[in-house]
Amino acid sequence: MAKTGGTAIVAALLVAACGPSPEEKAETNAAIQNFTPPFVMSRLDFGGVVERRFRRLDRNEDDRIDRSEISPRLAPRFAKIDTNGDGGISNEEWSAWMIARFDKQDENRDGTVTSQEREKARAQQEIDLPTPAEEPATNGTGVRK
């Protein structure tokens, strides 16, 4: 009986030493490469993204975004964001508009937007919250802010 138990242990050790098959490794690698981490952003963290994005869009650093500085994706919404109609978007106008977008996506009002909430907003063709990858890299001067 001890001999049979020892044989089973040796067999298990041999299988473990061999590792996964090439097919299993390929499947694991494909899963890792296609993995999209869950998106969770708090309202507080989003406030920082909003401020950084405003500063990057404000290429001439005059504390307002004019029509030449706004991204093509947001250009149709310029008048809606420019609530006082002065032809420029202030940091306050930008922040209020962006936080309202965040709050609209935060369905359960827990102060965070999750992957599921974000995908639902996309399906409803809402403007998606910007990710750091979508933010302009510089403010036009070549210097990251």
N, C-alpha and C. Protein backbone atom coordinates (compact mmCIF):
# COMPACT_ATOMS: atom_id res chain seq x y z
N MET A 1 0.82 -1.18 0.00
CA MET A 1 0.00 0.00 0.00
C MET A 1 0.86 1.25 0.00
N ALA A 2 1.92 1.26 0.78
CA ALA A 2 2.83 2.39 0.79
C ALA A 2 3.50 2.55 -0.56
N LYS A 3 3.74 1.42 -1.23
CA LYS A 3 4.36 1.47 -2.54
C LYS A 3 3.45 2.14 -3.56
N THR A 4 2.14 1.88 -3.52
CA THR A 4 1.19 2.48 -4.44
C THR A 4 1.08 3.98 -4.19
N GLY A 5 1.03 4.38 -2.92
CA GLY A 5 0.97 5.80 -2.57
C GLY A 5 2.20 6.53 -3.05
N GLY A 6 3.36 5.92 -2.95
CA GLY A 6 4.60 6.52 -3.39
C GLY A 6 4.63 6.67 -4.90
N THR A 7 4.09 5.69 -5.61
CA THR A 7 4.02 5.76 -7.07
C THR A 7 3.12 6.91 -7.51
N ALA A 8 2.01 7.10 -6.82
CA ALA A 8 1.09 8.19 -7.15
C ALA A 8 1.76 9.55 -6.93
N ILE A 9 2.52 9.65 -5.87
CA ILE A 9 3.22 10.91 -5.58
C ILE A 9 4.26 11.19 -6.65
N VAL A 10 5.01 10.18 -7.03
CA VAL A 10 6.03 10.33 -8.08
C VAL A 10 5.36 10.74 -9.39
N ALA A 11 4.23 10.11 -9.73
CA ALA A 11 3.53 10.44 -10.97
C ALA A 11 3.04 11.89 -10.93
N ALA A 12 2.50 12.31 -9.81
CA ALA A 12 2.01 13.68 -9.67
C ALA A 12 3.16 14.67 -9.80
N LEU A 13 4.30 14.36 -9.22
CA LEU A 13 5.46 15.24 -9.33
C LEU A 13 5.96 15.33 -10.77
N LEU A 14 5.94 14.22 -11.48
CA LEU A 14 6.36 14.22 -12.88
C LEU A 14 5.43 15.08 -13.73
N VAL A 15 4.12 14.97 -13.52
CA VAL A 15 3.15 15.76 -14.28
C VAL A 15 3.35 17.24 -13.96
N ALA A 16 3.54 17.56 -12.68
CA ALA A 16 3.74 18.95 -12.28
C ALA A 16 5.02 19.52 -12.86
N ALA A 17 6.05 18.70 -12.95
CA ALA A 17 7.34 19.15 -13.47
C ALA A 17 7.25 19.43 -14.96
N CYS A 18 6.40 18.72 -15.66
CA CYS A 18 6.27 18.91 -17.11
C CYS A 18 5.58 20.22 -17.43
N GLY A 19 4.71 20.71 -16.55
CA GLY A 19 4.02 21.97 -16.77
C GLY A 19 2.90 21.83 -17.78
N PRO A 20 2.29 22.93 -18.13
CA PRO A 20 1.17 22.89 -19.06
C PRO A 20 1.63 22.56 -20.48
N SER A 21 0.70 22.02 -21.23
CA SER A 21 1.01 21.67 -22.62
C SER A 21 1.18 22.95 -23.43
N PRO A 22 1.77 22.87 -24.62
CA PRO A 22 1.90 24.05 -25.47
C PRO A 22 0.54 24.68 -25.79
N GLU A 23 -0.49 23.85 -25.94
CA GLU A 23 -1.84 24.39 -26.22
C GLU A 23 -2.36 25.18 -25.02
N GLU A 24 -2.12 24.63 -23.82
CA GLU A 24 -2.56 25.33 -22.61
C GLU A 24 -1.80 26.65 -22.44
N LYS A 25 -0.51 26.63 -22.74
CA LYS A 25 0.29 27.86 -22.66
C LYS A 25 -0.22 28.90 -23.66
N ALA A 26 -0.53 28.44 -24.88
CA ALA A 26 -1.04 29.37 -25.91
C ALA A 26 -2.37 29.97 -25.49
N GLU A 27 -3.25 29.17 -24.93
CA GLU A 27 -4.55 29.68 -24.46
C GLU A 27 -4.36 30.69 -23.33
N THR A 28 -3.46 30.38 -22.42
CA THR A 28 -3.19 31.29 -21.30
C THR A 28 -2.61 32.60 -21.81
N ASN A 29 -1.66 32.53 -22.73
CA ASN A 29 -1.05 33.74 -23.29
C ASN A 29 -2.08 34.58 -24.03
N ALA A 30 -2.96 33.93 -24.80
CA ALA A 30 -4.01 34.67 -25.53
C ALA A 30 -4.94 35.36 -24.55
N ALA A 31 -5.30 34.66 -23.48
CA ALA A 31 -6.18 35.26 -22.48
C ALA A 31 -5.52 36.47 -21.82
N ILE A 32 -4.23 36.36 -21.54
CA ILE A 32 -3.50 37.47 -20.91
C ILE A 32 -3.43 38.66 -21.87
N GLN A 33 -3.15 38.42 -23.13
CA GLN A 33 -3.03 39.50 -24.10
C GLN A 33 -4.37 40.18 -24.36
N ASN A 34 -5.46 39.46 -24.27
CA ASN A 34 -6.78 40.03 -24.52
C ASN A 34 -7.46 40.53 -23.27
N PHE A 35 -6.79 40.46 -22.14
CA PHE A 35 -7.39 40.87 -20.88
C PHE A 35 -7.54 42.39 -20.83
N THR A 36 -8.72 42.83 -20.51
CA THR A 36 -8.98 44.24 -20.28
C THR A 36 -9.29 44.40 -18.80
N PRO A 37 -8.46 45.12 -18.09
CA PRO A 37 -8.72 45.25 -16.66
C PRO A 37 -10.03 45.98 -16.43
N PRO A 38 -10.70 45.66 -15.35
CA PRO A 38 -11.96 46.35 -15.07
C PRO A 38 -11.70 47.84 -14.87
N PHE A 39 -12.64 48.63 -15.33
CA PHE A 39 -12.55 50.08 -15.19
C PHE A 39 -13.34 50.48 -13.95
N VAL A 40 -12.68 51.09 -13.03
CA VAL A 40 -13.34 51.65 -11.86
C VAL A 40 -12.68 52.99 -11.60
N MET A 41 -13.48 54.05 -11.60
CA MET A 41 -12.93 55.36 -11.31
C MET A 41 -13.84 56.06 -10.31
N SER A 42 -13.24 56.59 -9.27
CA SER A 42 -14.02 57.34 -8.28
C SER A 42 -14.24 58.76 -8.78
N ARG A 43 -15.22 59.39 -8.20
CA ARG A 43 -15.53 60.78 -8.56
C ARG A 43 -14.33 61.67 -8.22
N LEU A 44 -13.69 61.39 -7.10
CA LEU A 44 -12.52 62.17 -6.69
C LEU A 44 -11.38 62.02 -7.70
N ASP A 45 -11.06 60.78 -8.09
CA ASP A 45 -10.02 60.55 -9.08
C ASP A 45 -10.39 61.21 -10.41
N PHE A 46 -11.65 61.14 -10.78
CA PHE A 46 -12.09 61.73 -12.03
C PHE A 46 -11.89 63.24 -12.02
N GLY A 47 -12.08 63.86 -10.86
CA GLY A 47 -11.83 65.30 -10.76
C GLY A 47 -10.41 65.66 -11.17
N GLY A 48 -9.45 64.83 -10.79
CA GLY A 48 -8.06 65.05 -11.19
C GLY A 48 -7.87 64.89 -12.69
N VAL A 49 -8.54 63.90 -13.28
CA VAL A 49 -8.48 63.69 -14.73
C VAL A 49 -9.05 64.91 -15.45
N VAL A 50 -10.16 65.42 -14.94
CA VAL A 50 -10.82 66.58 -15.55
C VAL A 50 -9.88 67.78 -15.56
N GLU A 51 -9.24 68.04 -14.43
CA GLU A 51 -8.32 69.18 -14.33
C GLU A 51 -7.14 69.02 -15.28
N ARG A 52 -6.53 67.84 -15.29
CA ARG A 52 -5.38 67.60 -16.18
C ARG A 52 -5.79 67.74 -17.64
N ARG A 53 -6.94 67.22 -17.98
CA ARG A 53 -7.38 67.31 -19.37
C ARG A 53 -7.62 68.76 -19.77
N PHE A 54 -8.23 69.54 -18.88
CA PHE A 54 -8.43 70.96 -19.18
C PHE A 54 -7.09 71.64 -19.45
N ARG A 55 -6.12 71.40 -18.59
CA ARG A 55 -4.81 72.04 -18.74
C ARG A 55 -4.12 71.61 -20.05
N ARG A 56 -4.31 70.37 -20.44
CA ARG A 56 -3.69 69.90 -21.69
C ARG A 56 -4.40 70.46 -22.91
N LEU A 57 -5.71 70.60 -22.84
CA LEU A 57 -6.45 71.17 -23.97
C LEU A 57 -6.17 72.66 -24.11
N ASP A 58 -5.92 73.34 -23.02
CA ASP A 58 -5.65 74.78 -23.03
C ASP A 58 -4.22 75.02 -23.51
N ARG A 59 -4.02 74.87 -24.81
CA ARG A 59 -2.67 74.93 -25.37
C ARG A 59 -1.99 76.29 -25.20
N ASN A 60 -2.77 77.37 -25.25
CA ASN A 60 -2.14 78.69 -25.10
C ASN A 60 -2.11 79.17 -23.65
N GLU A 61 -2.53 78.31 -22.73
CA GLU A 61 -2.45 78.54 -21.29
C GLU A 61 -3.09 79.86 -20.84
N ASP A 62 -4.28 80.17 -21.43
CA ASP A 62 -4.99 81.37 -21.01
C ASP A 62 -6.16 81.06 -20.08
N ASP A 63 -6.19 79.85 -19.54
CA ASP A 63 -7.21 79.39 -18.60
C ASP A 63 -8.61 79.33 -19.21
N ARG A 64 -8.68 79.08 -20.48
CA ARG A 64 -9.94 78.83 -21.17
C ARG A 64 -9.66 78.05 -22.44
N ILE A 65 -10.62 77.27 -22.84
CA ILE A 65 -10.50 76.48 -24.07
C ILE A 65 -11.36 77.16 -25.12
N ASP A 66 -10.74 77.57 -26.20
CA ASP A 66 -11.53 78.16 -27.28
C ASP A 66 -11.77 77.09 -28.35
N ARG A 67 -12.52 77.45 -29.38
CA ARG A 67 -12.91 76.48 -30.40
C ARG A 67 -11.71 75.83 -31.09
N SER A 68 -10.61 76.54 -31.21
CA SER A 68 -9.43 75.96 -31.88
C SER A 68 -8.71 74.93 -30.99
N GLU A 69 -8.99 74.95 -29.71
CA GLU A 69 -8.31 74.05 -28.79
C GLU A 69 -9.12 72.79 -28.45
N ILE A 70 -10.40 72.81 -28.70
CA ILE A 70 -11.25 71.67 -28.32
C ILE A 70 -11.03 70.51 -29.28
N SER A 71 -11.16 69.31 -28.78
CA SER A 71 -10.96 68.14 -29.62
C SER A 71 -12.11 68.01 -30.62
N PRO A 72 -11.85 67.42 -31.78
CA PRO A 72 -12.92 67.25 -32.77
C PRO A 72 -14.11 66.47 -32.22
N ARG A 73 -13.85 65.54 -31.33
CA ARG A 73 -14.93 64.74 -30.75
C ARG A 73 -15.87 65.59 -29.90
N LEU A 74 -15.32 66.63 -29.27
CA LEU A 74 -16.14 67.48 -28.40
C LEU A 74 -16.62 68.76 -29.08
N ALA A 75 -16.12 69.06 -30.26
CA ALA A 75 -16.47 70.30 -30.95
C ALA A 75 -17.97 70.52 -31.09
N PRO A 76 -18.75 69.49 -31.42
CA PRO A 76 -20.20 69.72 -31.53
C PRO A 76 -20.86 70.10 -30.21
N ARG A 77 -20.21 69.85 -29.10
CA ARG A 77 -20.79 70.16 -27.79
C ARG A 77 -20.24 71.46 -27.19
N PHE A 78 -19.45 72.17 -27.96
CA PHE A 78 -18.79 73.38 -27.45
C PHE A 78 -19.81 74.34 -26.83
N ALA A 79 -20.87 74.66 -27.55
CA ALA A 79 -21.86 75.63 -27.06
C ALA A 79 -22.54 75.15 -25.79
N LYS A 80 -22.76 73.86 -25.67
CA LYS A 80 -23.38 73.31 -24.47
C LYS A 80 -22.45 73.45 -23.26
N ILE A 81 -21.16 73.25 -23.49
CA ILE A 81 -20.19 73.35 -22.39
C ILE A 81 -19.97 74.81 -22.01
N ASP A 82 -19.95 75.69 -23.01
CA ASP A 82 -19.76 77.13 -22.79
C ASP A 82 -21.08 77.73 -22.30
N THR A 83 -21.41 77.50 -21.05
CA THR A 83 -22.73 77.88 -20.53
C THR A 83 -22.98 79.38 -20.50
N ASN A 84 -21.95 80.20 -20.38
CA ASN A 84 -22.18 81.65 -20.37
C ASN A 84 -22.09 82.26 -21.77
N GLY A 85 -21.77 81.44 -22.77
CA GLY A 85 -21.78 81.90 -24.16
C GLY A 85 -20.74 82.93 -24.52
N ASP A 86 -19.62 82.95 -23.80
CA ASP A 86 -18.60 83.96 -24.09
C ASP A 86 -17.57 83.51 -25.12
N GLY A 87 -17.77 82.34 -25.72
CA GLY A 87 -16.86 81.87 -26.76
C GLY A 87 -15.66 81.10 -26.25
N GLY A 88 -15.62 80.86 -24.96
CA GLY A 88 -14.54 80.08 -24.37
C GLY A 88 -15.07 79.25 -23.21
N ILE A 89 -14.42 78.15 -22.98
CA ILE A 89 -14.82 77.26 -21.89
C ILE A 89 -13.85 77.47 -20.74
N SER A 90 -14.39 77.94 -19.62
CA SER A 90 -13.55 78.13 -18.43
C SER A 90 -13.35 76.79 -17.75
N ASN A 91 -12.42 76.76 -16.83
CA ASN A 91 -12.18 75.55 -16.05
C ASN A 91 -13.44 75.16 -15.28
N GLU A 92 -14.16 76.14 -14.76
CA GLU A 92 -15.38 75.86 -14.01
C GLU A 92 -16.45 75.25 -14.92
N GLU A 93 -16.62 75.81 -16.12
CA GLU A 93 -17.61 75.26 -17.07
C GLU A 93 -17.23 73.84 -17.48
N TRP A 94 -15.95 73.66 -17.77
CA TRP A 94 -15.44 72.35 -18.17
C TRP A 94 -15.68 71.32 -17.05
N SER A 95 -15.29 71.70 -15.84
CA SER A 95 -15.44 70.78 -14.71
C SER A 95 -16.90 70.43 -14.46
N ALA A 96 -17.77 71.42 -14.48
CA ALA A 96 -19.20 71.17 -14.24
C ALA A 96 -19.75 70.22 -15.29
N TRP A 97 -19.39 70.42 -16.55
CA TRP A 97 -19.88 69.56 -17.63
C TRP A 97 -19.35 68.14 -17.50
N MET A 98 -18.06 68.03 -17.25
CA MET A 98 -17.45 66.70 -17.14
C MET A 98 -17.97 65.93 -15.91
N ILE A 99 -18.10 66.59 -14.78
CA ILE A 99 -18.61 65.92 -13.58
C ILE A 99 -20.07 65.51 -13.80
N ALA A 100 -20.84 66.32 -14.50
CA ALA A 100 -22.23 65.93 -14.82
C ALA A 100 -22.24 64.67 -15.67
N ARG A 101 -21.30 64.55 -16.59
CA ARG A 101 -21.19 63.32 -17.41
C ARG A 101 -20.86 62.12 -16.53
N PHE A 102 -19.94 62.32 -15.60
CA PHE A 102 -19.58 61.25 -14.67
C PHE A 102 -20.81 60.82 -13.86
N ASP A 103 -21.51 61.81 -13.30
CA ASP A 103 -22.67 61.50 -12.47
C ASP A 103 -23.76 60.79 -13.26
N LYS A 104 -23.89 61.13 -14.52
CA LYS A 104 -24.90 60.46 -15.37
C LYS A 104 -24.54 58.99 -15.56
N GLN A 105 -23.26 58.69 -15.65
CA GLN A 105 -22.84 57.30 -15.84
C GLN A 105 -22.89 56.52 -14.53
N ASP A 106 -22.78 57.20 -13.40
CA ASP A 106 -22.77 56.53 -12.09
C ASP A 106 -24.21 56.18 -11.70
N GLU A 107 -24.71 55.12 -12.29
CA GLU A 107 -26.11 54.74 -12.13
C GLU A 107 -26.53 54.50 -10.69
N ASN A 108 -25.70 53.83 -9.91
CA ASN A 108 -26.10 53.50 -8.55
C ASN A 108 -25.70 54.57 -7.53
N ARG A 109 -25.14 55.66 -8.00
CA ARG A 109 -24.79 56.82 -7.18
C ARG A 109 -23.87 56.47 -6.00
N ASP A 110 -22.91 55.57 -6.28
CA ASP A 110 -21.97 55.20 -5.22
C ASP A 110 -20.66 55.96 -5.31
N GLY A 111 -20.56 56.92 -6.23
CA GLY A 111 -19.35 57.72 -6.35
C GLY A 111 -18.27 57.09 -7.20
N THR A 112 -18.57 55.98 -7.87
CA THR A 112 -17.63 55.34 -8.79
C THR A 112 -18.34 54.95 -10.07
N VAL A 113 -17.59 54.93 -11.15
CA VAL A 113 -18.09 54.42 -12.42
C VAL A 113 -17.31 53.15 -12.70
N THR A 114 -18.05 52.07 -12.92
CA THR A 114 -17.45 50.77 -13.17
C THR A 114 -17.48 50.45 -14.66
N SER A 115 -16.84 49.36 -15.01
CA SER A 115 -16.85 48.90 -16.41
C SER A 115 -18.27 48.71 -16.90
N GLN A 116 -19.11 48.11 -16.07
CA GLN A 116 -20.49 47.86 -16.48
C GLN A 116 -21.25 49.16 -16.73
N GLU A 117 -21.09 50.13 -15.85
CA GLU A 117 -21.77 51.41 -16.03
C GLU A 117 -21.24 52.13 -17.27
N ARG A 118 -19.95 52.04 -17.48
CA ARG A 118 -19.35 52.68 -18.64
C ARG A 118 -19.84 52.05 -19.93
N GLU A 119 -19.90 50.71 -19.98
CA GLU A 119 -20.38 50.02 -21.17
C GLU A 119 -21.84 50.33 -21.45
N LYS A 120 -22.65 50.45 -20.42
CA LYS A 120 -24.06 50.78 -20.61
C LYS A 120 -24.18 52.18 -21.22
N ALA A 121 -23.37 53.12 -20.75
CA ALA A 121 -23.39 54.47 -21.31
C ALA A 121 -22.94 54.45 -22.77
N ARG A 122 -21.95 53.64 -23.09
CA ARG A 122 -21.51 53.51 -24.48
C ARG A 122 -22.63 52.97 -25.35
N ALA A 123 -23.33 51.97 -24.83
CA ALA A 123 -24.43 51.37 -25.59
C ALA A 123 -25.55 52.38 -25.84
N GLN A 124 -25.71 53.32 -24.92
CA GLN A 124 -26.72 54.36 -25.08
C GLN A 124 -26.17 55.55 -25.87
N GLN A 125 -24.98 55.37 -26.42
CA GLN A 125 -24.30 56.37 -27.24
C GLN A 125 -24.06 57.68 -26.51
N GLU A 126 -23.77 57.54 -25.22
CA GLU A 126 -23.38 58.70 -24.44
C GLU A 126 -21.90 58.95 -24.68
N ILE A 127 -21.45 60.14 -24.38
CA ILE A 127 -20.02 60.40 -24.43
C ILE A 127 -19.38 59.60 -23.31
N ASP A 128 -18.37 58.89 -23.66
CA ASP A 128 -17.66 58.07 -22.69
C ASP A 128 -16.71 58.94 -21.89
N LEU A 129 -16.48 58.55 -20.64
CA LEU A 129 -15.49 59.25 -19.84
C LEU A 129 -14.13 59.08 -20.48
N PRO A 130 -13.35 60.13 -20.57
CA PRO A 130 -12.03 59.99 -21.16
C PRO A 130 -11.12 59.17 -20.27
N THR A 131 -10.29 58.41 -20.91
CA THR A 131 -9.27 57.67 -20.18
C THR A 131 -7.96 58.43 -20.31
N PRO A 132 -6.99 58.16 -19.45
CA PRO A 132 -5.71 58.85 -19.59
C PRO A 132 -5.10 58.70 -20.98
N ALA A 133 -5.34 57.57 -21.64
CA ALA A 133 -4.79 57.36 -22.98
C ALA A 133 -5.40 58.32 -23.99
N GLU A 134 -6.60 58.80 -23.73
CA GLU A 134 -7.27 59.71 -24.67
C GLU A 134 -6.96 61.17 -24.40
N GLU A 135 -6.28 61.44 -23.31
CA GLU A 135 -5.93 62.81 -23.00
C GLU A 135 -4.80 63.27 -23.90
N PRO A 136 -4.81 64.53 -24.29
CA PRO A 136 -3.66 65.03 -25.06
C PRO A 136 -2.39 64.85 -24.24
N ALA A 137 -1.33 64.47 -24.89
CA ALA A 137 -0.07 64.22 -24.19
C ALA A 137 0.59 65.49 -23.71
N THR A 138 0.40 66.58 -24.44
CA THR A 138 1.04 67.83 -24.06
C THR A 138 0.04 68.96 -24.21
N ASN A 139 0.43 70.12 -23.79
CA ASN A 139 -0.44 71.29 -23.93
C ASN A 139 -0.13 72.08 -25.20
N GLY A 140 0.56 71.48 -26.14
CA GLY A 140 0.89 72.16 -27.38
C GLY A 140 2.30 72.74 -27.37
N THR A 141 2.86 72.88 -26.21
CA THR A 141 4.21 73.45 -26.10
C THR A 141 5.25 72.35 -26.09
N GLY A 142 4.75 71.09 -26.12
CA GLY A 142 5.67 69.97 -26.07
C GLY A 142 6.00 69.55 -24.67
N VAL A 143 5.47 70.26 -23.68
CA VAL A 143 5.75 69.97 -22.28
C VAL A 143 4.54 69.29 -21.67
N ARG A 144 4.76 68.14 -21.07
CA ARG A 144 3.66 67.46 -20.37
C ARG A 144 3.31 68.24 -19.14
N LYS A 145 2.05 68.34 -18.92
CA LYS A 145 1.60 69.06 -17.71
C LYS A 145 1.15 68.05 -16.70
